[in-house]
Amino acid sequence: MTLQESHQNVLDIFAAIKSVVGEDGWDGGTESEWNGCSSQGEAGAQFMLTAIRNQSLSGTPDDLTKQVAERLKSKLGIEGIRVQHDKTLSPARTVIGYPNGYNGGTAADGYGFQFQTDPNFVGIIIYGHCVPGVPPKLGTPLNPRPSESPTASR
């Protein structure tokens, strides 16, 4: 996988989630960044995106989270997503943790995501695959400045 493919994979996951949750309400709550990582013992780069939406859901947290899991499977082929519940949070949240379940960590290459929802909140953290290379310089197409980022205007 290349830097571009890893970056696009994160954006595709976010787009699939938004297609279920809704396109609006993410303003000011979406950030992304590139970080260094180790890719099979060599220099690597990993793209990460976090997003928060503080707006009422169009359905119940359980129904919406199940729809997100189905959309990720049908659009991106992501298998084995488990819908779980975290009752330690207030209010309790319906959650997804991929690939190892909620709070189960990421894949060996750092890839994974968490999705949380309650009736008035959605929170997402997506960790892209750590791939060979160095994080793209700020201000380049793969790493635009925050004001230039496609996620900044959504």
Protein backbone atom coordinates (compact mmCIF):
# COMPACT_ATOMS: atom_id res chain seq x y z
CA MET A 1 0.00 0.00 0.00
CA THR A 2 1.25 3.50 -0.83
CA LEU A 3 0.92 6.76 1.09
CA GLN A 4 -1.86 7.80 -1.32
CA GLU A 5 -3.75 4.52 -0.90
CA SER A 6 -3.52 4.64 2.90
CA HIS A 7 -4.70 8.27 2.91
CA GLN A 8 -7.61 7.49 0.58
CA ASN A 9 -8.62 4.47 2.65
CA VAL A 10 -9.07 6.72 5.72
CA LEU A 11 -11.09 9.22 3.67
CA ASP A 12 -13.23 6.41 2.25
CA ILE A 13 -14.04 5.12 5.75
CA PHE A 14 -15.02 8.63 6.85
CA ALA A 15 -17.18 9.11 3.73
CA ALA A 16 -18.96 5.78 4.32
CA ILE A 17 -19.71 6.75 7.92
CA LYS A 18 -20.98 10.19 6.90
CA SER A 19 -23.22 8.62 4.26
CA VAL A 20 -25.10 6.93 7.11
CA VAL A 21 -24.81 9.50 9.91
CA GLY A 22 -25.26 12.58 7.73
CA GLU A 23 -23.03 15.02 5.91
CA ASP A 24 -23.82 17.97 8.17
CA GLY A 25 -22.76 18.73 11.72
CA TRP A 26 -19.06 17.88 11.41
CA ASP A 27 -17.90 21.52 11.16
CA GLY A 28 -15.14 22.34 13.59
CA GLY A 29 -14.93 18.79 14.87
CA THR A 30 -12.79 17.15 12.17
CA GLU A 31 -9.01 17.03 12.26
CA SER A 32 -6.42 14.99 10.44
CA GLU A 33 -2.65 14.60 10.57
CA TRP A 34 0.28 12.52 9.38
CA ASN A 35 2.57 10.84 11.90
CA GLY A 36 5.78 8.89 11.63
CA CYS A 37 5.65 5.16 12.35
CA SER A 38 7.72 2.04 11.82
CA SER A 39 6.83 0.02 8.73
CA GLN A 40 8.54 -3.37 9.00
CA GLY A 41 11.48 -1.74 10.78
CA GLU A 42 11.80 1.09 8.25
CA ALA A 43 10.59 4.69 8.28
CA GLY A 44 6.87 4.87 7.70
CA ALA A 45 3.96 7.28 7.70
CA GLN A 46 0.43 6.96 9.04
CA PHE A 47 -2.57 9.19 8.33
CA MET A 48 -5.06 9.72 11.16
CA LEU A 49 -8.48 11.39 11.20
CA THR A 50 -10.68 12.30 14.16
CA ALA A 51 -14.19 13.67 13.87
CA ILE A 52 -16.93 14.71 16.25
CA ARG A 53 -20.56 15.46 15.48
CA ASN A 54 -22.72 16.92 18.26
CA GLN A 55 -26.15 16.68 16.72
CA SER A 56 -29.23 14.52 17.21
CA LEU A 57 -29.19 11.21 15.38
CA SER A 58 -31.77 10.24 12.78
CA GLY A 59 -32.34 6.94 14.61
CA THR A 60 -31.28 5.05 17.70
CA PRO A 61 -27.55 4.64 18.42
CA ASP A 62 -27.88 0.85 17.97
CA ASP A 63 -29.66 1.11 14.61
CA LEU A 64 -27.29 3.77 13.31
CA THR A 65 -24.18 1.86 14.40
CA LYS A 66 -25.46 -1.33 12.77
CA GLN A 67 -26.09 0.66 9.56
CA VAL A 68 -22.53 2.04 9.71
CA ALA A 69 -21.15 -1.50 10.10
CA GLU A 70 -23.22 -2.68 7.11
CA ARG A 71 -22.15 0.29 4.96
CA LEU A 72 -18.46 -0.30 5.75
CA LYS A 73 -18.92 -3.94 4.77
CA SER A 74 -20.88 -3.28 1.57
CA LYS A 75 -18.88 -0.28 0.31
CA LEU A 76 -15.36 -1.11 1.53
CA GLY A 77 -15.45 -4.85 2.19
CA ILE A 78 -14.60 -4.47 5.88
CA GLU A 79 -15.60 -7.78 7.48
CA GLY A 80 -15.98 -8.77 11.11
CA ILE A 81 -17.15 -5.46 12.57
CA ARG A 82 -18.61 -5.98 16.05
CA VAL A 83 -21.22 -3.61 17.44
CA GLN A 84 -20.70 -3.32 21.19
CA HIS A 85 -21.80 -1.14 24.11
CA ASP A 86 -19.81 0.95 26.58
CA LYS A 87 -21.91 1.47 29.69
CA THR A 88 -19.00 3.07 31.56
CA LEU A 89 -19.63 6.32 29.65
CA SER A 90 -22.47 8.66 30.48
CA PRO A 91 -24.66 8.46 28.56
CA ALA A 92 -23.86 4.89 27.52
CA ARG A 93 -22.63 4.57 23.94
CA THR A 94 -22.97 2.08 21.14
CA VAL A 95 -19.48 1.47 19.77
CA ILE A 96 -17.37 -0.19 17.10
CA GLY A 97 -13.70 -0.98 17.52
CA TYR A 98 -12.01 -2.45 14.48
CA PRO A 99 -10.22 -4.81 13.99
CA ASN A 100 -10.00 -6.11 17.57
CA GLY A 101 -13.23 -4.92 19.17
CA TYR A 102 -13.82 -1.83 21.26
CA ASN A 103 -10.63 -0.68 23.02
CA GLY A 104 -8.92 -3.78 21.60
CA GLY A 105 -6.18 -1.92 19.76
CA THR A 106 -5.16 -1.75 16.14
CA ALA A 107 -3.78 -4.19 13.59
CA ALA A 108 -0.02 -4.84 13.54
CA ASP A 109 0.49 -2.00 11.04
CA GLY A 110 -1.44 0.48 13.21
CA TYR A 111 -4.63 0.32 11.14
CA GLY A 112 -7.96 0.53 12.90
CA PHE A 113 -10.88 2.73 13.84
CA GLN A 114 -13.31 3.47 16.63
CA PHE A 115 -16.83 4.73 16.24
CA GLN A 116 -18.97 5.84 19.21
CA THR A 117 -22.48 7.17 19.33
CA ASP A 118 -25.15 8.22 21.78
CA PRO A 119 -28.43 9.98 20.89
CA ASN A 120 -26.69 13.37 20.37
CA PHE A 121 -23.06 12.49 19.58
CA VAL A 122 -20.86 10.67 17.10
CA GLY A 123 -17.12 10.32 17.63
CA ILE A 124 -14.69 8.74 15.17
CA ILE A 125 -10.97 7.97 15.26
CA ILE A 126 -9.47 6.37 12.14
CA TYR A 127 -5.84 5.20 12.06
CA GLY A 128 -4.62 4.51 8.53
CA HIS A 129 -2.19 1.76 7.63
CA CYS A 130 1.43 2.55 8.46
CA VAL A 131 3.13 2.46 5.06
CA PRO A 132 6.75 2.91 3.94
CA GLY A 133 7.80 6.53 3.46
CA VAL A 134 7.88 9.76 5.37
CA PRO A 135 4.91 11.92 6.35
CA PRO A 136 4.14 14.33 3.48
CA LYS A 137 5.21 17.93 4.05
CA LEU A 138 2.58 20.34 5.33
CA GLY A 139 1.01 22.26 2.46
CA THR A 140 1.26 19.43 -0.07
CA PRO A 141 -1.77 17.69 -1.64
CA LEU A 142 -1.60 14.72 0.77
CA ASN A 143 -1.07 17.01 3.76
CA PRO A 144 -2.85 20.32 3.18
CA ARG A 145 -2.77 23.06 5.75
CA PRO A 146 -5.87 22.91 7.98
CA SER A 147 -7.55 25.76 6.12
CA GLU A 148 -6.96 23.95 2.79
CA SER A 149 -8.08 20.51 3.94
CA PRO A 150 -11.12 18.98 2.22
CA THR A 151 -12.39 17.89 5.65
CA ALA A 152 -12.12 21.46 7.00
CA SER A 153 -14.96 22.71 4.82
CA ARG A 154 -17.29 19.74 5.39
